N, C-alpha and C. Protein backbone atom coordinates (compact mmCIF):
# COMPACT_ATOMS: atom_id res chain seq x y z
N MET A 1 7.55 11.61 -9.45
CA MET A 1 6.54 10.75 -8.86
C MET A 1 5.70 11.55 -7.88
N ARG A 2 6.35 12.40 -7.09
CA ARG A 2 5.62 13.20 -6.11
C ARG A 2 4.67 14.17 -6.81
N ARG A 3 5.11 14.72 -7.96
CA ARG A 3 4.25 15.62 -8.71
C ARG A 3 3.01 14.90 -9.21
N ALA A 4 3.20 13.68 -9.69
CA ALA A 4 2.06 12.89 -10.19
C ALA A 4 1.08 12.63 -9.07
N LEU A 5 1.59 12.29 -7.89
CA LEU A 5 0.74 12.04 -6.74
C LEU A 5 -0.03 13.29 -6.36
N LEU A 6 0.66 14.42 -6.25
CA LEU A 6 -0.02 15.66 -5.89
C LEU A 6 -1.03 16.05 -6.94
N GLY A 7 -0.67 15.92 -8.21
CA GLY A 7 -1.61 16.24 -9.28
C GLY A 7 -2.84 15.35 -9.22
N GLY A 8 -2.64 14.08 -8.94
CA GLY A 8 -3.76 13.15 -8.84
C GLY A 8 -4.67 13.50 -7.67
N LEU A 9 -4.06 13.85 -6.54
CA LEU A 9 -4.86 14.23 -5.38
C LEU A 9 -5.64 15.51 -5.63
N VAL A 10 -4.99 16.50 -6.28
CA VAL A 10 -5.69 17.74 -6.60
C VAL A 10 -6.85 17.45 -7.53
N LEU A 11 -6.61 16.62 -8.53
CA LEU A 11 -7.66 16.30 -9.48
C LEU A 11 -8.81 15.56 -8.81
N LEU A 12 -8.48 14.64 -7.91
CA LEU A 12 -9.51 13.87 -7.24
C LEU A 12 -10.35 14.70 -6.27
N PHE A 13 -9.69 15.59 -5.54
CA PHE A 13 -10.36 16.22 -4.41
C PHE A 13 -10.60 17.71 -4.54
N GLY A 14 -10.30 18.33 -5.65
CA GLY A 14 -10.56 19.75 -5.63
C GLY A 14 -10.36 20.47 -6.93
N CYS A 15 -10.07 19.78 -7.96
CA CYS A 15 -9.87 20.44 -9.24
C CYS A 15 -11.23 20.67 -9.89
N PRO A 16 -11.52 21.89 -10.30
CA PRO A 16 -12.80 22.11 -10.96
C PRO A 16 -12.86 21.35 -12.27
N LYS A 17 -14.05 20.84 -12.61
CA LYS A 17 -14.24 20.13 -13.87
C LYS A 17 -14.19 21.11 -15.03
N PRO A 18 -13.58 20.71 -16.14
CA PRO A 18 -13.58 21.58 -17.30
C PRO A 18 -15.01 21.79 -17.81
N ALA A 19 -15.20 22.84 -18.56
CA ALA A 19 -16.52 23.14 -19.10
C ALA A 19 -17.01 21.95 -19.91
N GLU A 20 -18.31 21.74 -19.88
CA GLU A 20 -18.90 20.63 -20.63
C GLU A 20 -18.66 20.82 -22.12
N VAL A 21 -18.29 19.75 -22.77
CA VAL A 21 -18.05 19.76 -24.20
C VAL A 21 -19.31 19.25 -24.88
N PRO A 22 -19.76 19.92 -25.93
CA PRO A 22 -20.96 19.42 -26.60
C PRO A 22 -20.73 18.01 -27.13
N ASP A 23 -21.73 17.18 -26.96
CA ASP A 23 -21.63 15.79 -27.38
C ASP A 23 -21.78 15.70 -28.89
N ALA A 24 -21.03 14.81 -29.51
CA ALA A 24 -21.07 14.64 -30.96
C ALA A 24 -22.20 13.69 -31.37
N GLY A 25 -23.10 13.43 -30.45
CA GLY A 25 -24.20 12.52 -30.75
C GLY A 25 -23.98 11.20 -30.06
N PRO A 26 -24.89 10.29 -30.23
CA PRO A 26 -24.76 9.02 -29.53
C PRO A 26 -23.55 8.24 -30.03
N ALA A 27 -22.78 7.79 -29.06
CA ALA A 27 -21.59 7.00 -29.39
C ALA A 27 -21.96 5.53 -29.28
N PRO A 28 -21.39 4.71 -30.13
CA PRO A 28 -21.67 3.28 -30.01
C PRO A 28 -21.16 2.78 -28.67
N GLU A 29 -21.89 1.89 -28.07
CA GLU A 29 -21.50 1.35 -26.78
C GLU A 29 -20.30 0.41 -26.93
N VAL A 30 -19.40 0.46 -25.94
CA VAL A 30 -18.28 -0.47 -25.90
C VAL A 30 -18.79 -1.74 -25.24
N ALA A 31 -18.54 -2.86 -25.88
CA ALA A 31 -19.01 -4.12 -25.32
C ALA A 31 -18.37 -4.37 -23.97
N GLU A 32 -19.19 -4.73 -23.01
CA GLU A 32 -18.68 -5.02 -21.68
C GLU A 32 -18.97 -6.48 -21.36
N SER A 33 -17.92 -7.22 -21.04
CA SER A 33 -18.12 -8.62 -20.74
C SER A 33 -18.72 -8.76 -19.34
N PRO A 34 -19.61 -9.72 -19.16
CA PRO A 34 -20.30 -9.85 -17.88
C PRO A 34 -19.36 -10.16 -16.72
N ASP A 35 -18.26 -10.85 -16.97
CA ASP A 35 -17.36 -11.20 -15.88
C ASP A 35 -16.47 -10.03 -15.47
N ALA A 36 -16.41 -8.97 -16.26
CA ALA A 36 -15.56 -7.83 -15.91
C ALA A 36 -16.36 -6.73 -15.25
N GLY A 37 -17.66 -6.93 -15.03
CA GLY A 37 -18.46 -5.87 -14.44
C GLY A 37 -18.63 -4.75 -15.44
N TRP A 38 -18.70 -3.54 -14.97
CA TRP A 38 -18.97 -2.39 -15.84
C TRP A 38 -17.75 -1.97 -16.63
N LEU A 39 -16.54 -2.32 -16.20
CA LEU A 39 -15.33 -1.94 -16.91
C LEU A 39 -14.67 -3.18 -17.50
N SER A 40 -14.79 -3.31 -18.81
CA SER A 40 -14.20 -4.45 -19.49
C SER A 40 -12.82 -4.08 -20.01
N PRO A 41 -12.01 -5.08 -20.35
CA PRO A 41 -10.72 -4.78 -20.98
C PRO A 41 -10.89 -3.97 -22.27
N ASP A 42 -11.95 -4.25 -23.03
CA ASP A 42 -12.18 -3.50 -24.27
C ASP A 42 -12.48 -2.02 -23.98
N ALA A 43 -13.27 -1.77 -22.94
CA ALA A 43 -13.60 -0.38 -22.58
C ALA A 43 -12.35 0.35 -22.10
N LEU A 44 -11.51 -0.32 -21.31
CA LEU A 44 -10.26 0.31 -20.86
C LEU A 44 -9.36 0.59 -22.05
N ASP A 45 -9.29 -0.36 -22.99
CA ASP A 45 -8.48 -0.16 -24.19
C ASP A 45 -8.99 1.04 -24.99
N ALA A 46 -10.31 1.17 -25.12
CA ALA A 46 -10.89 2.31 -25.83
C ALA A 46 -10.54 3.62 -25.13
N TRP A 47 -10.59 3.63 -23.79
CA TRP A 47 -10.24 4.83 -23.02
C TRP A 47 -8.77 5.20 -23.22
N LEU A 48 -7.90 4.19 -23.21
CA LEU A 48 -6.47 4.45 -23.42
C LEU A 48 -6.22 5.03 -24.81
N ARG A 49 -6.87 4.45 -25.83
CA ARG A 49 -6.72 4.98 -27.20
C ARG A 49 -7.23 6.42 -27.28
N TYR A 50 -8.34 6.68 -26.64
CA TYR A 50 -8.93 8.03 -26.62
C TYR A 50 -7.96 9.02 -25.96
N GLN A 51 -7.40 8.65 -24.83
CA GLN A 51 -6.48 9.54 -24.12
C GLN A 51 -5.21 9.78 -24.94
N GLN A 52 -4.71 8.75 -25.61
CA GLN A 52 -3.52 8.91 -26.45
C GLN A 52 -3.82 9.82 -27.64
N ALA A 53 -5.00 9.72 -28.21
CA ALA A 53 -5.40 10.59 -29.31
C ALA A 53 -5.54 12.04 -28.82
N LEU A 54 -6.08 12.21 -27.62
CA LEU A 54 -6.19 13.56 -27.06
C LEU A 54 -4.83 14.20 -26.86
N ALA A 55 -3.86 13.39 -26.49
CA ALA A 55 -2.51 13.91 -26.25
C ALA A 55 -1.90 14.51 -27.52
N ALA A 56 -2.38 14.08 -28.67
CA ALA A 56 -1.85 14.60 -29.94
C ALA A 56 -2.45 15.95 -30.31
N LEU A 57 -3.52 16.35 -29.62
CA LEU A 57 -4.14 17.65 -29.89
C LEU A 57 -3.29 18.77 -29.30
N PRO A 58 -3.47 20.02 -29.79
CA PRO A 58 -2.72 21.15 -29.22
C PRO A 58 -2.98 21.28 -27.72
N ALA A 59 -1.96 21.73 -27.00
CA ALA A 59 -2.05 21.86 -25.54
C ALA A 59 -3.12 22.87 -25.15
N LEU A 60 -3.77 22.58 -24.02
CA LEU A 60 -4.77 23.50 -23.48
C LEU A 60 -4.12 24.65 -22.71
N VAL A 61 -2.99 24.35 -22.07
CA VAL A 61 -2.32 25.36 -21.25
C VAL A 61 -0.84 25.42 -21.61
N ARG A 62 -0.26 26.59 -21.38
CA ARG A 62 1.18 26.76 -21.58
C ARG A 62 1.91 26.24 -20.35
N GLY A 63 3.20 26.14 -20.45
CA GLY A 63 4.03 25.70 -19.33
C GLY A 63 3.89 26.58 -18.11
N ASP A 64 3.58 27.89 -18.31
CA ASP A 64 3.43 28.81 -17.18
C ASP A 64 2.00 28.81 -16.63
N GLY A 65 1.14 27.94 -17.14
CA GLY A 65 -0.22 27.84 -16.65
C GLY A 65 -1.22 28.69 -17.39
N GLY A 66 -0.77 29.54 -18.27
CA GLY A 66 -1.68 30.39 -19.04
C GLY A 66 -2.36 29.59 -20.14
N HIS A 67 -3.40 30.16 -20.70
CA HIS A 67 -4.14 29.48 -21.77
C HIS A 67 -3.32 29.50 -23.05
N ALA A 68 -3.20 28.35 -23.68
CA ALA A 68 -2.44 28.23 -24.92
C ALA A 68 -3.32 28.43 -26.15
N LEU A 69 -4.61 28.32 -25.99
CA LEU A 69 -5.52 28.39 -27.12
C LEU A 69 -6.46 29.59 -27.00
N GLY A 70 -6.83 30.15 -28.14
CA GLY A 70 -7.83 31.20 -28.17
C GLY A 70 -9.23 30.60 -28.14
N ARG A 71 -10.25 31.46 -28.08
CA ARG A 71 -11.64 31.01 -27.95
C ARG A 71 -12.05 30.11 -29.12
N ASP A 72 -11.72 30.49 -30.35
CA ASP A 72 -12.09 29.67 -31.51
C ASP A 72 -11.34 28.34 -31.48
N ASP A 73 -10.08 28.38 -31.03
CA ASP A 73 -9.30 27.16 -30.93
C ASP A 73 -9.90 26.20 -29.90
N VAL A 74 -10.40 26.76 -28.79
CA VAL A 74 -11.01 25.93 -27.75
C VAL A 74 -12.26 25.24 -28.30
N ARG A 75 -13.05 25.97 -29.06
CA ARG A 75 -14.26 25.36 -29.66
C ARG A 75 -13.87 24.24 -30.63
N ALA A 76 -12.85 24.50 -31.44
CA ALA A 76 -12.40 23.48 -32.40
C ALA A 76 -11.87 22.26 -31.66
N ARG A 77 -11.18 22.50 -30.56
CA ARG A 77 -10.66 21.38 -29.77
C ARG A 77 -11.81 20.58 -29.17
N ALA A 78 -12.82 21.25 -28.67
CA ALA A 78 -13.97 20.57 -28.09
C ALA A 78 -14.62 19.65 -29.12
N LYS A 79 -14.76 20.14 -30.35
CA LYS A 79 -15.33 19.31 -31.42
C LYS A 79 -14.43 18.12 -31.73
N ALA A 80 -13.12 18.37 -31.75
CA ALA A 80 -12.16 17.29 -32.01
C ALA A 80 -12.22 16.24 -30.91
N GLU A 81 -12.31 16.69 -29.66
CA GLU A 81 -12.41 15.75 -28.54
C GLU A 81 -13.66 14.90 -28.64
N ALA A 82 -14.79 15.53 -28.99
CA ALA A 82 -16.04 14.78 -29.13
C ALA A 82 -15.93 13.75 -30.25
N ALA A 83 -15.29 14.13 -31.35
CA ALA A 83 -15.12 13.19 -32.47
C ALA A 83 -14.21 12.03 -32.07
N LEU A 84 -13.13 12.32 -31.35
CA LEU A 84 -12.23 11.26 -30.90
C LEU A 84 -12.93 10.30 -29.94
N ARG A 85 -13.74 10.87 -29.05
CA ARG A 85 -14.48 10.05 -28.09
C ARG A 85 -15.46 9.13 -28.84
N ALA A 86 -16.15 9.69 -29.83
CA ALA A 86 -17.09 8.88 -30.62
C ALA A 86 -16.33 7.80 -31.39
N ASP A 87 -15.17 8.15 -31.95
CA ASP A 87 -14.35 7.15 -32.67
C ASP A 87 -13.92 6.02 -31.75
N ALA A 88 -13.68 6.34 -30.48
CA ALA A 88 -13.28 5.31 -29.51
C ALA A 88 -14.48 4.50 -29.04
N GLY A 89 -15.70 4.98 -29.38
CA GLY A 89 -16.89 4.26 -28.97
C GLY A 89 -17.27 4.49 -27.52
N LEU A 90 -16.91 5.67 -26.99
CA LEU A 90 -17.18 5.97 -25.58
C LEU A 90 -18.14 7.13 -25.45
N SER A 91 -18.99 7.06 -24.43
CA SER A 91 -19.85 8.19 -24.10
C SER A 91 -19.11 9.07 -23.09
N VAL A 92 -19.61 10.27 -22.89
CA VAL A 92 -19.03 11.16 -21.88
C VAL A 92 -19.06 10.49 -20.52
N GLU A 93 -20.18 9.83 -20.21
CA GLU A 93 -20.32 9.16 -18.92
C GLU A 93 -19.30 8.04 -18.75
N GLN A 94 -19.06 7.27 -19.79
CA GLN A 94 -18.06 6.20 -19.71
C GLN A 94 -16.68 6.77 -19.49
N VAL A 95 -16.34 7.81 -20.22
CA VAL A 95 -15.02 8.44 -20.05
C VAL A 95 -14.86 8.91 -18.61
N ASP A 96 -15.87 9.60 -18.09
CA ASP A 96 -15.81 10.10 -16.72
C ASP A 96 -15.68 8.98 -15.70
N ARG A 97 -16.44 7.91 -15.90
CA ARG A 97 -16.43 6.80 -14.95
C ARG A 97 -15.10 6.05 -14.99
N ILE A 98 -14.59 5.81 -16.18
CA ILE A 98 -13.29 5.13 -16.30
C ILE A 98 -12.20 6.01 -15.71
N GLU A 99 -12.26 7.30 -16.00
CA GLU A 99 -11.27 8.23 -15.46
C GLU A 99 -11.30 8.24 -13.93
N ALA A 100 -12.47 8.14 -13.35
CA ALA A 100 -12.59 8.15 -11.89
C ALA A 100 -11.91 6.93 -11.27
N VAL A 101 -12.16 5.74 -11.82
CA VAL A 101 -11.53 4.54 -11.26
C VAL A 101 -10.02 4.55 -11.51
N VAL A 102 -9.60 5.00 -12.68
CA VAL A 102 -8.16 5.09 -12.98
C VAL A 102 -7.49 6.04 -11.99
N ALA A 103 -8.10 7.19 -11.75
CA ALA A 103 -7.51 8.17 -10.82
C ALA A 103 -7.32 7.57 -9.44
N GLU A 104 -8.33 6.89 -8.95
CA GLU A 104 -8.22 6.34 -7.60
C GLU A 104 -7.25 5.17 -7.51
N VAL A 105 -7.24 4.31 -8.52
CA VAL A 105 -6.30 3.18 -8.50
C VAL A 105 -4.87 3.70 -8.58
N VAL A 106 -4.59 4.61 -9.51
CA VAL A 106 -3.22 5.13 -9.67
C VAL A 106 -2.78 5.87 -8.42
N THR A 107 -3.65 6.70 -7.85
CA THR A 107 -3.30 7.45 -6.65
C THR A 107 -3.05 6.52 -5.47
N THR A 108 -3.91 5.53 -5.29
CA THR A 108 -3.75 4.60 -4.17
C THR A 108 -2.47 3.80 -4.32
N ARG A 109 -2.22 3.31 -5.52
CA ARG A 109 -0.99 2.52 -5.74
C ARG A 109 0.26 3.39 -5.58
N THR A 110 0.21 4.63 -6.03
CA THR A 110 1.35 5.53 -5.88
C THR A 110 1.61 5.81 -4.40
N LEU A 111 0.56 6.08 -3.65
CA LEU A 111 0.70 6.29 -2.21
C LEU A 111 1.30 5.05 -1.54
N ALA A 112 0.86 3.88 -1.96
CA ALA A 112 1.38 2.64 -1.37
C ALA A 112 2.87 2.49 -1.63
N ARG A 113 3.28 2.80 -2.86
CA ARG A 113 4.72 2.70 -3.16
C ARG A 113 5.52 3.72 -2.36
N LEU A 114 4.99 4.92 -2.24
CA LEU A 114 5.70 5.95 -1.48
C LEU A 114 5.75 5.64 0.01
N SER A 115 4.74 4.95 0.51
CA SER A 115 4.70 4.64 1.94
C SER A 115 5.35 3.30 2.27
N GLY A 116 5.86 2.63 1.27
CA GLY A 116 6.57 1.39 1.53
C GLY A 116 5.72 0.14 1.43
N GLY A 117 4.58 0.22 0.81
CA GLY A 117 3.71 -0.95 0.67
C GLY A 117 4.40 -2.13 0.02
N ASP A 118 5.19 -1.87 -1.01
CA ASP A 118 5.92 -2.95 -1.67
C ASP A 118 6.99 -3.53 -0.75
N ALA A 119 7.61 -2.66 0.03
CA ALA A 119 8.65 -3.12 0.97
C ALA A 119 8.03 -3.99 2.06
N VAL A 120 6.80 -3.67 2.49
CA VAL A 120 6.13 -4.46 3.51
C VAL A 120 5.94 -5.89 3.02
N GLU A 121 5.53 -6.04 1.76
CA GLU A 121 5.34 -7.38 1.21
C GLU A 121 6.65 -8.17 1.19
N LYS A 122 7.75 -7.52 0.82
CA LYS A 122 9.05 -8.20 0.81
C LYS A 122 9.47 -8.56 2.23
N PHE A 123 9.20 -7.65 3.16
CA PHE A 123 9.55 -7.89 4.56
C PHE A 123 8.82 -9.10 5.09
N GLN A 124 7.56 -9.27 4.73
CA GLN A 124 6.77 -10.41 5.18
C GLN A 124 7.41 -11.72 4.72
N GLY A 125 7.93 -11.73 3.52
CA GLY A 125 8.57 -12.94 3.00
C GLY A 125 9.84 -13.30 3.76
N ALA A 126 10.51 -12.32 4.31
CA ALA A 126 11.76 -12.56 5.04
C ALA A 126 11.52 -13.03 6.47
N LEU A 127 10.30 -12.92 6.97
CA LEU A 127 10.01 -13.32 8.35
C LEU A 127 10.30 -14.80 8.61
N ALA A 128 10.12 -15.63 7.61
CA ALA A 128 10.32 -17.07 7.79
C ALA A 128 11.75 -17.41 8.17
N ASP A 129 12.70 -16.57 7.80
CA ASP A 129 14.11 -16.85 8.07
C ASP A 129 14.55 -16.43 9.46
N LEU A 130 13.68 -15.79 10.23
CA LEU A 130 14.03 -15.29 11.56
C LEU A 130 13.74 -16.32 12.63
N GLY A 131 14.48 -16.21 13.74
CA GLY A 131 14.22 -17.06 14.90
C GLY A 131 12.91 -16.64 15.55
N PRO A 132 12.36 -17.47 16.44
CA PRO A 132 11.05 -17.20 17.04
C PRO A 132 10.97 -15.83 17.75
N GLU A 133 11.97 -15.47 18.52
CA GLU A 133 11.93 -14.19 19.25
C GLU A 133 12.03 -13.01 18.29
N GLN A 134 12.94 -13.11 17.34
CA GLN A 134 13.09 -12.05 16.35
C GLN A 134 11.83 -11.93 15.49
N ARG A 135 11.26 -13.08 15.14
CA ARG A 135 10.06 -13.07 14.31
C ARG A 135 8.91 -12.37 15.03
N ALA A 136 8.75 -12.64 16.33
CA ALA A 136 7.68 -12.01 17.10
C ALA A 136 7.83 -10.49 17.11
N LYS A 137 9.06 -10.01 17.32
CA LYS A 137 9.31 -8.57 17.30
C LYS A 137 9.06 -7.98 15.91
N ALA A 138 9.53 -8.67 14.90
CA ALA A 138 9.35 -8.19 13.52
C ALA A 138 7.88 -8.18 13.14
N GLU A 139 7.12 -9.20 13.55
CA GLU A 139 5.69 -9.23 13.25
C GLU A 139 4.94 -8.09 13.94
N ALA A 140 5.35 -7.76 15.19
CA ALA A 140 4.73 -6.64 15.90
C ALA A 140 5.02 -5.33 15.17
N ALA A 141 6.27 -5.16 14.73
CA ALA A 141 6.63 -3.95 13.98
C ALA A 141 5.88 -3.89 12.66
N LEU A 142 5.71 -5.03 12.03
CA LEU A 142 5.00 -5.08 10.76
C LEU A 142 3.52 -4.72 10.94
N ARG A 143 2.89 -5.21 11.99
CA ARG A 143 1.49 -4.85 12.27
C ARG A 143 1.35 -3.35 12.48
N GLU A 144 2.28 -2.76 13.20
CA GLU A 144 2.25 -1.32 13.45
C GLU A 144 2.43 -0.55 12.14
N LEU A 145 3.35 -0.99 11.30
CA LEU A 145 3.58 -0.34 10.02
C LEU A 145 2.34 -0.44 9.13
N LYS A 146 1.72 -1.61 9.10
CA LYS A 146 0.52 -1.80 8.28
C LYS A 146 -0.62 -0.90 8.75
N ALA A 147 -0.73 -0.72 10.06
CA ALA A 147 -1.79 0.13 10.61
C ALA A 147 -1.61 1.58 10.20
N LYS A 148 -0.38 2.01 9.96
CA LYS A 148 -0.10 3.41 9.62
C LYS A 148 -0.04 3.66 8.12
N SER A 149 -0.01 2.61 7.33
CA SER A 149 0.22 2.76 5.90
C SER A 149 -0.92 2.16 5.09
N PRO A 150 -1.26 2.78 3.94
CA PRO A 150 -2.28 2.16 3.09
C PRO A 150 -1.80 0.85 2.47
N ALA A 151 -0.49 0.69 2.34
CA ALA A 151 0.14 -0.56 1.87
C ALA A 151 -0.52 -1.14 0.62
N GLY A 152 -0.97 -0.29 -0.25
CA GLY A 152 -1.52 -0.76 -1.50
C GLY A 152 -2.93 -1.30 -1.41
N ALA A 153 -3.54 -1.14 -0.25
CA ALA A 153 -4.90 -1.67 -0.09
C ALA A 153 -5.85 -0.93 -1.02
N LEU A 154 -6.50 -1.68 -1.84
CA LEU A 154 -7.47 -1.11 -2.78
C LEU A 154 -8.89 -1.44 -2.35
N ASP A 155 -9.07 -1.85 -1.09
CA ASP A 155 -10.40 -2.24 -0.62
C ASP A 155 -11.42 -1.13 -0.82
N ASP A 156 -11.07 0.10 -0.46
CA ASP A 156 -12.03 1.21 -0.60
C ASP A 156 -12.36 1.46 -2.06
N VAL A 157 -11.35 1.37 -2.93
CA VAL A 157 -11.56 1.59 -4.36
C VAL A 157 -12.44 0.48 -4.92
N GLU A 158 -12.17 -0.76 -4.50
CA GLU A 158 -12.98 -1.89 -4.95
C GLU A 158 -14.42 -1.76 -4.47
N ALA A 159 -14.61 -1.28 -3.24
CA ALA A 159 -15.96 -1.10 -2.72
C ALA A 159 -16.71 -0.04 -3.51
N LYS A 160 -16.00 0.96 -3.96
CA LYS A 160 -16.62 2.07 -4.68
C LYS A 160 -16.93 1.72 -6.14
N PHE A 161 -15.98 1.06 -6.82
CA PHE A 161 -16.10 0.82 -8.26
C PHE A 161 -16.30 -0.64 -8.64
N GLY A 162 -16.06 -1.54 -7.70
CA GLY A 162 -16.15 -2.97 -7.98
C GLY A 162 -14.76 -3.59 -8.15
N ALA A 163 -14.60 -4.76 -7.58
CA ALA A 163 -13.30 -5.45 -7.64
C ALA A 163 -12.91 -5.78 -9.07
N ASP A 164 -13.89 -6.14 -9.89
CA ASP A 164 -13.59 -6.49 -11.29
C ASP A 164 -13.03 -5.28 -12.05
N ALA A 165 -13.61 -4.11 -11.82
CA ALA A 165 -13.13 -2.90 -12.51
C ALA A 165 -11.69 -2.60 -12.09
N VAL A 166 -11.40 -2.73 -10.81
CA VAL A 166 -10.04 -2.47 -10.32
C VAL A 166 -9.07 -3.47 -10.93
N ARG A 167 -9.48 -4.74 -11.00
CA ARG A 167 -8.60 -5.76 -11.61
C ARG A 167 -8.31 -5.45 -13.07
N VAL A 168 -9.30 -4.97 -13.80
CA VAL A 168 -9.09 -4.62 -15.22
C VAL A 168 -8.03 -3.52 -15.32
N VAL A 169 -8.11 -2.51 -14.47
CA VAL A 169 -7.12 -1.42 -14.48
C VAL A 169 -5.74 -1.96 -14.12
N LEU A 170 -5.67 -2.83 -13.11
CA LEU A 170 -4.38 -3.35 -12.66
C LEU A 170 -3.70 -4.25 -13.70
N THR A 171 -4.48 -4.87 -14.59
CA THR A 171 -3.87 -5.72 -15.61
C THR A 171 -2.99 -4.90 -16.55
N ARG A 172 -3.26 -3.59 -16.64
CA ARG A 172 -2.47 -2.72 -17.52
C ARG A 172 -1.96 -1.52 -16.73
N GLU A 173 -1.59 -1.76 -15.48
CA GLU A 173 -1.24 -0.68 -14.55
C GLU A 173 -0.15 0.25 -15.08
N SER A 174 0.89 -0.30 -15.64
CA SER A 174 1.99 0.54 -16.13
C SER A 174 1.51 1.50 -17.22
N GLU A 175 0.79 0.98 -18.20
CA GLU A 175 0.29 1.80 -19.30
C GLU A 175 -0.74 2.82 -18.81
N VAL A 176 -1.61 2.36 -17.90
CA VAL A 176 -2.63 3.26 -17.35
C VAL A 176 -1.97 4.40 -16.57
N THR A 177 -0.95 4.08 -15.79
CA THR A 177 -0.26 5.11 -15.00
C THR A 177 0.42 6.12 -15.90
N LYS A 178 1.09 5.66 -16.95
CA LYS A 178 1.73 6.59 -17.90
C LYS A 178 0.69 7.48 -18.58
N THR A 179 -0.42 6.88 -18.95
CA THR A 179 -1.49 7.64 -19.60
C THR A 179 -2.08 8.66 -18.62
N TRP A 180 -2.27 8.26 -17.38
CA TRP A 180 -2.80 9.17 -16.36
C TRP A 180 -1.85 10.35 -16.13
N ASP A 181 -0.55 10.06 -16.05
CA ASP A 181 0.43 11.13 -15.87
C ASP A 181 0.39 12.11 -17.05
N ALA A 182 0.27 11.58 -18.26
CA ALA A 182 0.18 12.44 -19.45
C ALA A 182 -1.10 13.27 -19.42
N LEU A 183 -2.19 12.69 -18.96
CA LEU A 183 -3.45 13.41 -18.85
C LEU A 183 -3.32 14.57 -17.87
N LEU A 184 -2.70 14.34 -16.73
CA LEU A 184 -2.49 15.42 -15.75
C LEU A 184 -1.59 16.51 -16.33
N GLU A 185 -0.57 16.09 -17.04
CA GLU A 185 0.34 17.05 -17.66
C GLU A 185 -0.40 17.92 -18.68
N ALA A 186 -1.22 17.31 -19.49
CA ALA A 186 -1.96 18.05 -20.51
C ALA A 186 -2.95 19.03 -19.91
N ARG A 187 -3.51 18.67 -18.77
CA ARG A 187 -4.46 19.55 -18.10
C ARG A 187 -3.78 20.66 -17.31
N GLY A 188 -2.47 20.54 -17.18
CA GLY A 188 -1.74 21.54 -16.40
C GLY A 188 -1.81 21.27 -14.92
N ASP A 189 -2.19 20.06 -14.52
CA ASP A 189 -2.28 19.71 -13.10
C ASP A 189 -0.94 19.30 -12.51
N ARG A 190 0.03 19.02 -13.37
CA ARG A 190 1.38 18.65 -12.90
C ARG A 190 2.31 19.80 -13.22
N ARG A 191 2.98 20.29 -12.22
CA ARG A 191 3.95 21.37 -12.41
C ARG A 191 5.18 21.09 -11.63
């Protein structure tokens, strides 16, 4: 879990972008429902299928971090990636935008779990069973803990990408997180 978090942070804040892959031409647009904002369940599903198809391609890097593919292999892979993206009905921009919101949601939620965000919610439920004096002390401790912890707050992510987009990702959080971890592994960002 710690590796996934570190890999996600590196990818978000300092990992150089891979070289641009030539586009396979215009990709059909993924239908976006108006109530889901720019990221619809169909678009997320297309992104997940695309990422799973990419995982079946030969690895880009070896376990020791060295390049696993030769120059001709890299070109062939780039063409295969473009074809898979077109088959999924996604543009390069859509893939990048979906990947950005997925990265931030997964990283924020992982940080929240590591910092006890889930435990804070359970603790809040137990406050009702305490006497008035104990409850006051526990509430003060809880306020202090919340001030120091992200506690799963996705407010910043929602402000950046839209609350609807974040909700779409959260509806499939487990699958998205597994896919994100596999993506980091394939890129060699997790060691």
